[in-house]
Structures are given as C-alpha cells and as structure tokens.
Amino acid sequence: WTKMYPHASPARQALLPDRVPVESLPRTFKWLSRALGRKILPALASAFPLSVAARLQNLRLYQATVLRYRPNASAPVSTDVHQDFSFLTCTVPLSNPDEYE
C-alpha cells in the first residue's frame, strides 16, 4: 500500500486513502478482467447509449486502483469530488453496503 499521488502536495496526500494498483494483486486482477467483459463495460455502454465513445468496442481499462479507507484514522480520509482525464470513471465498491454510514 502507498500514499503516492503524483499531483498532490504532501499535506493533501496525508488526507487521501492508501492505494495499490490492481495489477499487483493477481487474484483481484483476474476477477476484474472477467468482470470488465461480462458486467462493467457492458453496463457503462448501456448507460450512455448515444455516445459513440462509450460503445462497448471503444471502451478500455486505463487504470485500476484499490483505495483503502481506514475508519480509525487520526484525520478524516476522503477522495474529494474531482475531474479525471479519462472519458469515464467507474467506482466498484468492495465493502459490504451495511458498512457505509
């Protein structure tokens, strides 16, 4: 796990969640690869039916990262609303929905 965010100041990095690239987690990478083709990319394509860029044959995974939020952290950890450089960003929750406030 790392806190490396190349575009964030050290003070901002302290407030961001820990992260790890999915490609360094073999079982997670395998699961994601299957889920992309079967569920995630088709769902994104169907959500934007009028967009040529969102057609299934045009969608690709650029980056996948697992973020870890620690509820007992000394400072609140969050990912603020922001704009990525990608056309679409998809969030897949890994926690049980009952764990959210």
C-alpha atoms as a PDB file:
ATOM      1  CA  TRP A   1       0.000   0.000   0.000  1.00  0.00           C
ATOM      2  CA  THR A   2       1.191   3.509  -0.752  1.00  0.00           C
ATOM      3  CA  LYS A   3       0.070   7.092  -0.387  1.00  0.00           C
ATOM      4  CA  MET A   4       1.813   8.220  -3.582  1.00  0.00           C
ATOM      5  CA  TYR A   5      -0.388  10.640  -5.515  1.00  0.00           C
ATOM      6  CA  PRO A   6       1.829  12.347  -8.095  1.00  0.00           C
ATOM      7  CA  HIS A   7      -0.262  15.527  -8.353  1.00  0.00           C
ATOM      8  CA  ALA A   8      -0.983  16.052  -4.651  1.00  0.00           C
ATOM      9  CA  SER A   9       1.029  18.012  -2.119  1.00  0.00           C
ATOM     10  CA  PRO A  10       2.398  16.092   0.886  1.00  0.00           C
ATOM     11  CA  ALA A  11      -0.241  17.727   3.110  1.00  0.00           C
ATOM     12  CA  ARG A  12      -3.024  16.645   0.747  1.00  0.00           C
ATOM     13  CA  GLN A  13      -1.570  13.126   0.408  1.00  0.00           C
ATOM     14  CA  ALA A  14      -1.967  12.648   4.157  1.00  0.00           C
ATOM     15  CA  LEU A  15      -5.744  13.068   3.763  1.00  0.00           C
ATOM     16  CA  LEU A  16      -6.053  10.656   0.827  1.00  0.00           C
ATOM     17  CA  PRO A  17      -6.679   6.912   1.142  1.00  0.00           C
ATOM     18  CA  ASP A  18      -3.977   4.278   0.833  1.00  0.00           C
ATOM     19  CA  ARG A  19      -3.841   2.786  -2.639  1.00  0.00           C
ATOM     20  CA  VAL A  20      -2.475  -0.196  -4.519  1.00  0.00           C
ATOM     21  CA  PRO A  21      -2.554  -0.859  -8.285  1.00  0.00           C
ATOM     22  CA  VAL A  22      -4.797  -3.802  -9.193  1.00  0.00           C
ATOM     23  CA  GLU A  23      -2.121  -5.341 -11.418  1.00  0.00           C
ATOM     24  CA  SER A  24      -0.059  -6.027  -8.282  1.00  0.00           C
ATOM     25  CA  LEU A  25      -2.936  -8.125  -6.856  1.00  0.00           C
ATOM     26  CA  PRO A  26      -3.108 -11.246  -9.081  1.00  0.00           C
ATOM     27  CA  ARG A  27      -6.472 -12.617  -7.854  1.00  0.00           C
ATOM     28  CA  THR A  28      -8.105  -9.196  -7.936  1.00  0.00           C
ATOM     29  CA  PHE A  29      -6.696  -8.527 -11.415  1.00  0.00           C
ATOM     30  CA  LYS A  30      -8.096 -11.845 -12.668  1.00  0.00           C
ATOM     31  CA  TRP A  31     -11.515 -11.092 -11.131  1.00  0.00           C
ATOM     32  CA  LEU A  32     -11.560  -7.577 -12.603  1.00  0.00           C
ATOM     33  CA  SER A  33     -10.558  -8.813 -16.058  1.00  0.00           C
ATOM     34  CA  ARG A  34     -13.548 -11.174 -16.119  1.00  0.00           C
ATOM     35  CA  ALA A  35     -15.940  -8.633 -14.598  1.00  0.00           C
ATOM     36  CA  LEU A  36     -14.964  -5.964 -17.123  1.00  0.00           C
ATOM     37  CA  GLY A  37     -16.050  -8.011 -20.115  1.00  0.00           C
ATOM     38  CA  ARG A  38     -19.106  -9.569 -18.518  1.00  0.00           C
ATOM     39  CA  LYS A  39     -20.590  -6.743 -16.451  1.00  0.00           C
ATOM     40  CA  ILE A  40     -18.736  -3.461 -16.020  1.00  0.00           C
ATOM     41  CA  LEU A  41     -18.042  -2.383 -19.620  1.00  0.00           C
ATOM     42  CA  PRO A  42     -21.486  -3.527 -20.891  1.00  0.00           C
ATOM     43  CA  ALA A  43     -23.126  -1.562 -18.041  1.00  0.00           C
ATOM     44  CA  LEU A  44     -21.155   1.570 -18.940  1.00  0.00           C
ATOM     45  CA  ALA A  45     -22.025   1.196 -22.624  1.00  0.00           C
ATOM     46  CA  SER A  46     -25.722   0.802 -21.854  1.00  0.00           C
ATOM     47  CA  ALA A  47     -25.674   3.819 -19.524  1.00  0.00           C
ATOM     48  CA  PHE A  48     -24.520   6.083 -22.376  1.00  0.00           C
ATOM     49  CA  PRO A  49     -26.308   4.720 -25.479  1.00  0.00           C
ATOM     50  CA  LEU A  50     -25.992   7.938 -27.505  1.00  0.00           C
ATOM     51  CA  SER A  51     -22.224   8.279 -27.037  1.00  0.00           C
ATOM     52  CA  VAL A  52     -20.029   6.810 -29.774  1.00  0.00           C
ATOM     53  CA  ALA A  53     -17.050   6.898 -27.378  1.00  0.00           C
ATOM     54  CA  ALA A  54     -18.983   4.756 -24.870  1.00  0.00           C
ATOM     55  CA  ARG A  55     -19.787   1.974 -27.314  1.00  0.00           C
ATOM     56  CA  LEU A  56     -18.575  -1.354 -25.993  1.00  0.00           C
ATOM     57  CA  GLN A  57     -15.943  -1.800 -28.716  1.00  0.00           C
ATOM     58  CA  ASN A  58     -14.402   1.584 -27.794  1.00  0.00           C
ATOM     59  CA  LEU A  59     -14.124   1.096 -24.030  1.00  0.00           C
ATOM     60  CA  ARG A  60     -10.778   0.122 -22.475  1.00  0.00           C
ATOM     61  CA  LEU A  61      -9.398  -0.054 -18.974  1.00  0.00           C
ATOM     62  CA  TYR A  62      -6.669   2.534 -18.487  1.00  0.00           C
ATOM     63  CA  GLN A  63      -6.011   2.214 -14.765  1.00  0.00           C
ATOM     64  CA  ALA A  64      -7.427   0.253 -11.846  1.00  0.00           C
ATOM     65  CA  THR A  65      -6.567   1.081  -8.265  1.00  0.00           C
ATOM     66  CA  VAL A  66      -7.881  -0.227  -4.961  1.00  0.00           C
ATOM     67  CA  LEU A  67      -8.330   2.535  -2.387  1.00  0.00           C
ATOM     68  CA  ARG A  68      -8.326   1.707   1.316  1.00  0.00           C
ATOM     69  CA  TYR A  69     -10.156   3.960   3.721  1.00  0.00           C
ATOM     70  CA  ARG A  70      -9.417   3.472   7.401  1.00  0.00           C
ATOM     71  CA  PRO A  71     -12.288   4.418   9.683  1.00  0.00           C
ATOM     72  CA  ASN A  72      -9.964   4.748  12.694  1.00  0.00           C
ATOM     73  CA  ALA A  73      -7.518   7.154  11.012  1.00  0.00           C
ATOM     74  CA  SER A  74      -6.388  10.148  13.076  1.00  0.00           C
ATOM     75  CA  ALA A  75      -7.564  12.541  10.327  1.00  0.00           C
ATOM     76  CA  PRO A  76     -10.584  12.093   8.061  1.00  0.00           C
ATOM     77  CA  VAL A  77      -9.569  10.356   4.853  1.00  0.00           C
ATOM     78  CA  SER A  78     -11.525  11.015   1.680  1.00  0.00           C
ATOM     79  CA  THR A  79     -11.403  11.428  -2.058  1.00  0.00           C
ATOM     80  CA  ASP A  80     -12.944  14.772  -2.954  1.00  0.00           C
ATOM     81  CA  VAL A  81     -15.119  15.305  -5.979  1.00  0.00           C
ATOM     82  CA  HIS A  82     -12.672  15.807  -8.828  1.00  0.00           C
ATOM     83  CA  GLN A  83     -12.267  15.539 -12.590  1.00  0.00           C
ATOM     84  CA  ASP A  84     -10.105  12.801 -14.062  1.00  0.00           C
ATOM     85  CA  PHE A  85      -8.577  12.878 -17.519  1.00  0.00           C
ATOM     86  CA  SER A  86     -10.468   9.768 -18.597  1.00  0.00           C
ATOM     87  CA  PHE A  87     -13.724   9.759 -20.555  1.00  0.00           C
ATOM     88  CA  LEU A  88     -15.471   7.602 -17.937  1.00  0.00           C
ATOM     89  CA  THR A  89     -14.574   6.651 -14.393  1.00  0.00           C
ATOM     90  CA  CYS A  90     -16.236   3.728 -12.675  1.00  0.00           C
ATOM     91  CA  THR A  91     -16.216   3.021  -8.948  1.00  0.00           C
ATOM     92  CA  VAL A  92     -16.722  -0.559  -7.787  1.00  0.00           C
ATOM     93  CA  PRO A  93     -17.383  -0.766  -4.025  1.00  0.00           C
ATOM     94  CA  LEU A  94     -15.653  -3.711  -2.373  1.00  0.00           C
ATOM     95  CA  SER A  95     -17.161  -3.272   1.088  1.00  0.00           C
ATOM     96  CA  ASN A  96     -20.465  -4.610   2.284  1.00  0.00           C
ATOM     97  CA  PRO A  97     -23.146  -1.876   1.830  1.00  0.00           C
ATOM     98  CA  ASP A  98     -24.026  -2.256   5.536  1.00  0.00           C
ATOM     99  CA  GLU A  99     -20.584  -0.808   6.395  1.00  0.00           C
ATOM    100  CA  TYR A 100     -21.444   2.622   4.963  1.00  0.00           C
ATOM    101  CA  GLU A 101     -22.919   5.390   7.073  1.00  0.00           C
END
